[in-house]
Amino acid sequence: DSVKGRFTISRDNAKNTVYLQMNSLKPED
């Protein structure tokens, strides 16, 4: 709940890579 709307997880299976896009970062992150 603390990151909903700010963080986005995605993956590229062809590259065996997962990403975490973090926007509107706060000190508590």
PDB file of all heavy atoms in Angstrom:
ATOM      1  N   ASP A   1       0.826  -1.217   0.000  1.00  0.00           N
ATOM      2  CA  ASP A   1       0.000   0.000   0.000  1.00  0.00           C
ATOM      3  C   ASP A   1       0.857   1.262   0.000  1.00  0.00           C
ATOM      4  O   ASP A   1       0.487   2.273  -0.598  1.00  0.00           O
ATOM      5  CB  ASP A   1      -0.915   0.000   1.225  1.00  0.00           C
ATOM      6  CG  ASP A   1      -2.031  -1.018   1.114  1.00  0.00           C
ATOM      7  OD1 ASP A   1      -2.308  -1.496  -0.019  1.00  0.00           O
ATOM      8  OD2 ASP A   1      -2.624  -1.351   2.150  1.00  0.00           O
ATOM      9  N   SER A   2       2.003   1.180   0.640  1.00  0.00           N
ATOM     10  CA  SER A   2       2.859   2.360   0.783  1.00  0.00           C
ATOM     11  C   SER A   2       3.477   2.823  -0.532  1.00  0.00           C
ATOM     12  O   SER A   2       3.968   3.951  -0.619  1.00  0.00           O
ATOM     13  CB  SER A   2       3.968   2.082   1.796  1.00  0.00           C
ATOM     14  OG  SER A   2       4.749   0.972   1.390  1.00  0.00           O
ATOM     15  N   VAL A   3       3.476   1.956  -1.548  1.00  0.00           N
ATOM     16  CA  VAL A   3       4.112   2.328  -2.821  1.00  0.00           C
ATOM     17  C   VAL A   3       3.143   2.340  -3.992  1.00  0.00           C
ATOM     18  O   VAL A   3       3.535   2.712  -5.110  1.00  0.00           O
ATOM     19  CB  VAL A   3       5.301   1.387  -3.146  1.00  0.00           C
ATOM     20  CG1 VAL A   3       6.274   1.317  -1.971  1.00  0.00           C
ATOM     21  CG2 VAL A   3       4.825   0.000  -3.532  1.00  0.00           C
ATOM     22  N   LYS A   4       1.903   1.966  -3.762  1.00  0.00           N
ATOM     23  CA  LYS A   4       0.921   1.944  -4.846  1.00  0.00           C
ATOM     24  C   LYS A   4       0.789   3.313  -5.478  1.00  0.00           C
ATOM     25  O   LYS A   4       0.696   4.326  -4.787  1.00  0.00           O
ATOM     26  CB  LYS A   4      -0.445   1.490  -4.319  1.00  0.00           C
ATOM     27  CG  LYS A   4      -0.617   0.007  -4.235  1.00  0.00           C
ATOM     28  CD  LYS A   4      -2.013  -0.357  -3.729  1.00  0.00           C
ATOM     29  CE  LYS A   4      -2.132  -1.856  -3.548  1.00  0.00           C
ATOM     30  NZ  LYS A   4      -3.440  -2.234  -2.961  1.00  0.00           N
ATOM     31  N   GLY A   5       0.773   3.325  -6.800  1.00  0.00           N
ATOM     32  CA  GLY A   5       0.647   4.579  -7.531  1.00  0.00           C
ATOM     33  C   GLY A   5       1.963   5.292  -7.744  1.00  0.00           C
ATOM     34  O   GLY A   5       2.031   6.252  -8.522  1.00  0.00           O
ATOM     35  N   ARG A   6       3.025   4.843  -7.075  1.00  0.00           N
ATOM     36  CA  ARG A   6       4.345   5.470  -7.220  1.00  0.00           C
ATOM     37  C   ARG A   6       5.356   4.524  -7.837  1.00  0.00           C
ATOM     38  O   ARG A   6       6.236   4.965  -8.585  1.00  0.00           O
ATOM     39  CB  ARG A   6       4.854   5.941  -5.859  1.00  0.00           C
ATOM     40  CG  ARG A   6       3.966   6.959  -5.177  1.00  0.00           C
ATOM     41  CD  ARG A   6       4.623   7.527  -3.915  1.00  0.00           C
ATOM     42  NE  ARG A   6       4.904   6.511  -2.907  1.00  0.00           N
ATOM     43  CZ  ARG A   6       6.121   6.242  -2.431  1.00  0.00           C
ATOM     44  NH1 ARG A   6       7.171   6.911  -2.859  1.00  0.00           N
ATOM     45  NH2 ARG A   6       6.281   5.318  -1.501  1.00  0.00           N
ATOM     46  N   PHE A   7       5.270   3.245  -7.525  1.00  0.00           N
ATOM     47  CA  PHE A   7       6.224   2.251  -8.017  1.00  0.00           C
ATOM     48  C   PHE A   7       5.540   1.363  -9.055  1.00  0.00           C
ATOM     49  O   PHE A   7       4.346   1.072  -8.955  1.00  0.00           O
ATOM     50  CB  PHE A   7       6.727   1.371  -6.877  1.00  0.00           C
ATOM     51  CG  PHE A   7       7.618   2.052  -5.873  1.00  0.00           C
ATOM     52  CD1 PHE A   7       7.794   3.429  -5.839  1.00  0.00           C
ATOM     53  CD2 PHE A   7       8.306   1.292  -4.942  1.00  0.00           C
ATOM     54  CE1 PHE A   7       8.612   4.043  -4.922  1.00  0.00           C
ATOM     55  CE2 PHE A   7       9.140   1.881  -3.994  1.00  0.00           C
ATOM     56  CZ  PHE A   7       9.282   3.259  -3.986  1.00  0.00           C
ATOM     57  N   THR A   8       6.341   0.906 -10.012  1.00  0.00           N
ATOM     58  CA  THR A   8       5.848  -0.018 -11.037  1.00  0.00           C
ATOM     59  C   THR A   8       6.857  -1.130 -11.235  1.00  0.00           C
ATOM     60  O   THR A   8       8.030  -0.866 -11.500  1.00  0.00           O
ATOM     61  CB  THR A   8       5.614   0.699 -12.364  1.00  0.00           C
ATOM     62  OG1 THR A   8       4.689   1.782 -12.182  1.00  0.00           O
ATOM     63  CG2 THR A   8       5.034  -0.263 -13.404  1.00  0.00           C
ATOM     64  N   ILE A   9       6.382  -2.353 -11.111  1.00  0.00           N
ATOM     65  CA  ILE A   9       7.241  -3.512 -11.364  1.00  0.00           C
ATOM     66  C   ILE A   9       6.955  -4.035 -12.766  1.00  0.00           C
ATOM     67  O   ILE A   9       5.801  -4.035 -13.213  1.00  0.00           O
ATOM     68  CB  ILE A   9       7.030  -4.608 -10.292  1.00  0.00           C
ATOM     69  CG1 ILE A   9       8.068  -5.721 -10.452  1.00  0.00           C
ATOM     70  CG2 ILE A   9       5.608  -5.154 -10.333  1.00  0.00           C
ATOM     71  CD1 ILE A   9       8.061  -6.727  -9.291  1.00  0.00           C
ATOM     72  N   SER A  10       8.002  -4.465 -13.438  1.00  0.00           N
ATOM     73  CA  SER A  10       7.836  -5.037 -14.767  1.00  0.00           C
ATOM     74  C   SER A  10       8.951  -6.058 -14.986  1.00  0.00           C
ATOM     75  O   SER A  10       9.905  -6.119 -14.202  1.00  0.00           O
ATOM     76  CB  SER A  10       7.878  -3.958 -15.854  1.00  0.00           C
ATOM     77  OG  SER A  10       9.124  -3.283 -15.842  1.00  0.00           O
ATOM     78  N   ARG A  11       8.812  -6.829 -16.034  1.00  0.00           N
ATOM     79  CA  ARG A  11       9.842  -7.837 -16.303  1.00  0.00           C
ATOM     80  C   ARG A  11       9.997  -8.017 -17.804  1.00  0.00           C
ATOM     81  O   ARG A  11       9.042  -7.834 -18.571  1.00  0.00           O
ATOM     82  CB  ARG A  11       9.520  -9.169 -15.625  1.00  0.00           C
ATOM     83  CG  ARG A  11       8.291  -9.879 -16.155  1.00  0.00           C
ATOM     84  CD  ARG A  11       7.934 -11.074 -15.263  1.00  0.00           C
ATOM     85  NE  ARG A  11       8.968 -12.090 -15.251  1.00  0.00           N
ATOM     86  CZ  ARG A  11       9.012 -13.108 -14.370  1.00  0.00           C
ATOM     87  NH1 ARG A  11       8.071 -13.203 -13.437  1.00  0.00           N
ATOM     88  NH2 ARG A  11       9.979 -13.998 -14.432  1.00  0.00           N
ATOM     89  N   ASP A  12      11.186  -8.403 -18.192  1.00  0.00           N
ATOM     90  CA  ASP A  12      11.503  -8.738 -19.576  1.00  0.00           C
ATOM     91  C   ASP A  12      12.095 -10.134 -19.540  1.00  0.00           C
ATOM     92  O   ASP A  12      13.279 -10.309 -19.235  1.00  0.00           O
ATOM     93  CB  ASP A  12      12.483  -7.721 -20.161  1.00  0.00           C
ATOM     94  CG  ASP A  12      12.772  -7.960 -21.629  1.00  0.00           C
ATOM     95  OD1 ASP A  12      12.565  -9.097 -22.112  1.00  0.00           O
ATOM     96  OD2 ASP A  12      13.237  -7.025 -22.293  1.00  0.00           O
ATOM     97  N   ASN A  13      11.281 -11.135 -19.827  1.00  0.00           N
ATOM     98  CA  ASN A  13      11.739 -12.513 -19.717  1.00  0.00           C
ATOM     99  C   ASN A  13      12.824 -12.847 -20.751  1.00  0.00           C
ATOM    100  O   ASN A  13      13.659 -13.720 -20.515  1.00  0.00           O
ATOM    101  CB  ASN A  13      10.567 -13.475 -19.841  1.00  0.00           C
ATOM    102  CG  ASN A  13       9.697 -13.482 -18.602  1.00  0.00           C
ATOM    103  OD1 ASN A  13      10.136 -13.070 -17.521  1.00  0.00           O
ATOM    104  ND2 ASN A  13       8.463 -13.917 -18.732  1.00  0.00           N
ATOM    105  N   ALA A  14      12.815 -12.160 -21.868  1.00  0.00           N
ATOM    106  CA  ALA A  14      13.848 -12.402 -22.877  1.00  0.00           C
ATOM    107  C   ALA A  14      15.222 -11.996 -22.343  1.00  0.00           C
ATOM    108  O   ALA A  14      16.245 -12.553 -22.747  1.00  0.00           O
ATOM    109  CB  ALA A  14      13.526 -11.639 -24.148  1.00  0.00           C
ATOM    110  N   LYS A  15      15.230 -11.027 -21.439  1.00  0.00           N
ATOM    111  CA  LYS A  15      16.491 -10.557 -20.851  1.00  0.00           C
ATOM    112  C   LYS A  15      16.701 -11.086 -19.436  1.00  0.00           C
ATOM    113  O   LYS A  15      17.690 -10.739 -18.793  1.00  0.00           O
ATOM    114  CB  LYS A  15      16.519  -9.028 -20.827  1.00  0.00           C
ATOM    115  CG  LYS A  15      16.490  -8.374 -22.195  1.00  0.00           C
ATOM    116  CD  LYS A  15      16.542  -6.868 -22.090  1.00  0.00           C
ATOM    117  CE  LYS A  15      16.558  -6.212 -23.461  1.00  0.00           C
ATOM    118  NZ  LYS A  15      16.597  -4.731 -23.364  1.00  0.00           N
ATOM    119  N   ASN A  16      15.761 -11.887 -18.948  1.00  0.00           N
ATOM    120  CA  ASN A  16      15.836 -12.398 -17.572  1.00  0.00           C
ATOM    121  C   ASN A  16      16.051 -11.261 -16.576  1.00  0.00           C
ATOM    122  O   ASN A  16      16.886 -11.346 -15.661  1.00  0.00           O
ATOM    123  CB  ASN A  16      16.958 -13.435 -17.425  1.00  0.00           C
ATOM    124  CG  ASN A  16      16.626 -14.738 -18.107  1.00  0.00           C
ATOM    125  OD1 ASN A  16      15.458 -15.129 -18.175  1.00  0.00           O
ATOM    126  ND2 ASN A  16      17.624 -15.396 -18.651  1.00  0.00           N
ATOM    127  N   THR A  17      15.293 -10.202 -16.758  1.00  0.00           N
ATOM    128  CA  THR A  17      15.471  -9.009 -15.937  1.00  0.00           C
ATOM    129  C   THR A  17      14.112  -8.512 -15.435  1.00  0.00           C
ATOM    130  O   THR A  17      13.135  -8.526 -16.186  1.00  0.00           O
ATOM    131  CB  THR A  17      16.167  -7.891 -16.733  1.00  0.00           C
ATOM    132  OG1 THR A  17      17.447  -8.370 -17.172  1.00  0.00           O
ATOM    133  CG2 THR A  17      16.381  -6.652 -15.869  1.00  0.00           C
ATOM    134  N   VAL A  18      14.105  -8.091 -14.188  1.00  0.00           N
ATOM    135  CA  VAL A  18      12.927  -7.469 -13.603  1.00  0.00           C
ATOM    136  C   VAL A  18      13.300  -6.049 -13.172  1.00  0.00           C
ATOM    137  O   VAL A  18      14.452  -5.799 -12.792  1.00  0.00           O
ATOM    138  CB  VAL A  18      12.382  -8.299 -12.424  1.00  0.00           C
ATOM    139  CG1 VAL A  18      13.374  -8.351 -11.279  1.00  0.00           C
ATOM    140  CG2 VAL A  18      11.051  -7.756 -11.940  1.00  0.00           C
ATOM    141  N   TYR A  19      12.346  -5.154 -13.287  1.00  0.00           N
ATOM    142  CA  TYR A  19      12.594  -3.754 -13.007  1.00  0.00           C
ATOM    143  C   TYR A  19      11.651  -3.248 -11.924  1.00  0.00           C
ATOM    144  O   TYR A  19      10.550  -3.766 -11.747  1.00  0.00           O
ATOM    145  CB  TYR A  19      12.384  -2.913 -14.272  1.00  0.00           C
ATOM    146  CG  TYR A  19      13.193  -3.369 -15.457  1.00  0.00           C
ATOM    147  CD1 TYR A  19      12.635  -4.221 -16.424  1.00  0.00           C
ATOM    148  CD2 TYR A  19      14.517  -2.976 -15.610  1.00  0.00           C
ATOM    149  CE1 TYR A  19      13.378  -4.646 -17.509  1.00  0.00           C
ATOM    150  CE2 TYR A  19      15.264  -3.399 -16.706  1.00  0.00           C
ATOM    151  CZ  TYR A  19      14.673  -4.238 -17.644  1.00  0.00           C
ATOM    152  OH  TYR A  19      15.422  -4.666 -18.721  1.00  0.00           O
ATOM    153  N   LEU A  20      12.099  -2.211 -11.239  1.00  0.00           N
ATOM    154  CA  LEU A  20      11.236  -1.498 -10.313  1.00  0.00           C
ATOM    155  C   LEU A  20      11.423  -0.010 -10.579  1.00  0.00           C
ATOM    156  O   LEU A  20      12.460   0.556 -10.244  1.00  0.00           O
ATOM    157  CB  LEU A  20      11.570  -1.829  -8.862  1.00  0.00           C
ATOM    158  CG  LEU A  20      10.623  -1.213  -7.829  1.00  0.00           C
ATOM    159  CD1 LEU A  20       9.239  -1.853  -7.938  1.00  0.00           C
ATOM    160  CD2 LEU A  20      11.165  -1.388  -6.413  1.00  0.00           C
ATOM    161  N   GLN A  21      10.431   0.576 -11.222  1.00  0.00           N
ATOM    162  CA  GLN A  21      10.439   2.010 -11.460  1.00  0.00           C
ATOM    163  C   GLN A  21       9.857   2.697 -10.244  1.00  0.00           C
ATOM    164  O   GLN A  21       8.708   2.409  -9.854  1.00  0.00           O
ATOM    165  CB  GLN A  21       9.618   2.356 -12.703  1.00  0.00           C
ATOM    166  CG  GLN A  21       9.534   3.841 -13.004  1.00  0.00           C
ATOM    167  CD  GLN A  21      10.867   4.447 -13.384  1.00  0.00           C
ATOM    168  OE1 GLN A  21      11.621   3.868 -14.161  1.00  0.00           O
ATOM    169  NE2 GLN A  21      11.168   5.619 -12.840  1.00  0.00           N
ATOM    170  N   MET A  22      10.643   3.565  -9.635  1.00  0.00           N
ATOM    171  CA  MET A  22      10.214   4.236  -8.402  1.00  0.00           C
ATOM    172  C   MET A  22      10.120   5.731  -8.670  1.00  0.00           C
ATOM    173  O   MET A  22      11.132   6.383  -8.971  1.00  0.00           O
ATOM    174  CB  MET A  22      11.216   3.953  -7.283  1.00  0.00           C
ATOM    175  CG  MET A  22      11.453   2.469  -7.051  1.00  0.00           C
ATOM    176  SD  MET A  22      12.468   2.132  -5.592  1.00  0.00           S
ATOM    177  CE  MET A  22      14.018   2.883  -6.072  1.00  0.00           C
ATOM    178  N   ASN A  23       8.917   6.257  -8.582  1.00  0.00           N
ATOM    179  CA  ASN A  23       8.673   7.678  -8.792  1.00  0.00           C
ATOM    180  C   ASN A  23       8.183   8.331  -7.499  1.00  0.00           C
ATOM    181  O   ASN A  23       7.763   7.642  -6.569  1.00  0.00           O
ATOM    182  CB  ASN A  23       7.634   7.885  -9.888  1.00  0.00           C
ATOM    183  CG  ASN A  23       8.068   7.334 -11.223  1.00  0.00           C
ATOM    184  OD1 ASN A  23       9.259   7.321 -11.554  1.00  0.00           O
ATOM    185  ND2 ASN A  23       7.113   6.869 -12.021  1.00  0.00           N
ATOM    186  N   SER A  24       8.235   9.643  -7.463  1.00  0.00           N
ATOM    187  CA  SER A  24       7.761  10.397  -6.297  1.00  0.00           C
ATOM    188  C   SER A  24       8.329   9.832  -5.005  1.00  0.00           C
ATOM    189  O   SER A  24       7.613   9.589  -4.029  1.00  0.00           O
ATOM    190  CB  SER A  24       6.221  10.380  -6.247  1.00  0.00           C
ATOM    191  OG  SER A  24       5.679  10.914  -7.431  1.00  0.00           O
ATOM    192  N   LEU A  25       9.614   9.624  -5.010  1.00  0.00           N
ATOM    193  CA  LEU A  25      10.271   8.989  -3.862  1.00  0.00           C
ATOM    194  C   LEU A  25      10.178   9.862  -2.621  1.00  0.00           C
ATOM    195  O   LEU A  25      10.208  11.107  -2.693  1.00  0.00           O
ATOM    196  CB  LEU A  25      11.722   8.673  -4.195  1.00  0.00           C
ATOM    197  CG  LEU A  25      11.900   7.423  -5.066  1.00  0.00           C
ATOM    198  CD1 LEU A  25      13.261   7.420  -5.741  1.00  0.00           C
ATOM    199  CD2 LEU A  25      11.706   6.164  -4.242  1.00  0.00           C
ATOM    200  N   LYS A  26      10.063   9.188  -1.484  1.00  0.00           N
ATOM    201  CA  LYS A  26       9.949   9.844  -0.187  1.00  0.00           C
ATOM    202  C   LYS A  26      11.109   9.392   0.701  1.00  0.00           C
ATOM    203  O   LYS A  26      11.645   8.299   0.511  1.00  0.00           O
ATOM    204  CB  LYS A  26       8.628   9.457   0.483  1.00  0.00           C
ATOM    205  CG  LYS A  26       7.398   9.731  -0.354  1.00  0.00           C
ATOM    206  CD  LYS A  26       6.150   9.198   0.342  1.00  0.00           C
ATOM    207  CE  LYS A  26       4.896   9.459  -0.473  1.00  0.00           C
ATOM    208  NZ  LYS A  26       3.683   8.931   0.210  1.00  0.00           N
ATOM    209  N   PRO A  27      11.457  10.184   1.690  1.00  0.00           N
ATOM    210  CA  PRO A  27      12.534   9.764   2.602  1.00  0.00           C
ATOM    211  C   PRO A  27      12.264   8.401   3.243  1.00  0.00           C
ATOM    212  O   PRO A  27      13.214   7.637   3.471  1.00  0.00           O
ATOM    213  CB  PRO A  27      12.555  10.879   3.640  1.00  0.00           C
ATOM    214  CG  PRO A  27      12.092  12.092   2.896  1.00  0.00           C
ATOM    215  CD  PRO A  27      11.046  11.572   1.951  1.00  0.00           C
ATOM    216  N   GLU A  28      11.006   8.075   3.483  1.00  0.00           N
ATOM    217  CA  GLU A  28      10.690   6.780   4.096  1.00  0.00           C
ATOM    218  C   GLU A  28      10.889   5.604   3.142  1.00  0.00           C
ATOM    219  O   GLU A  28      10.778   4.445   3.560  1.00  0.00           O
ATOM    220  CB  GLU A  28       9.258   6.769   4.647  1.00  0.00           C
ATOM    221  CG  GLU A  28       8.198   7.234   3.677  1.00  0.00           C
ATOM    222  CD  GLU A  28       7.844   8.696   3.866  1.00  0.00           C
ATOM    223  OE1 GLU A  28       8.784   9.529   4.024  1.00  0.00           O
ATOM    224  OE2 GLU A  28       6.645   9.015   3.818  1.00  0.00           O
ATOM    225  N   ASP A  29      11.192   5.873   1.885  1.00  0.00           N
ATOM    226  CA  ASP A  29      11.530   4.803   0.944  1.00  0.00           C
ATOM    227  C   ASP A  29      13.002   4.397   1.064  1.00  0.00           C
ATOM    228  O   ASP A  29      13.430   3.428   0.421  1.00  0.00           O
ATOM    229  CB  ASP A  29      11.263   5.246  -0.494  1.00  0.00           C
ATOM    230  CG  ASP A  29       9.783   5.461  -0.776  1.00  0.00           C
ATOM    231  OD1 ASP A  29       8.968   4.653  -0.303  1.00  0.00           O
ATOM    232  OD2 ASP A  29       9.463   6.454  -1.458  1.00  0.00           O
TER     233      ASP A  29
END
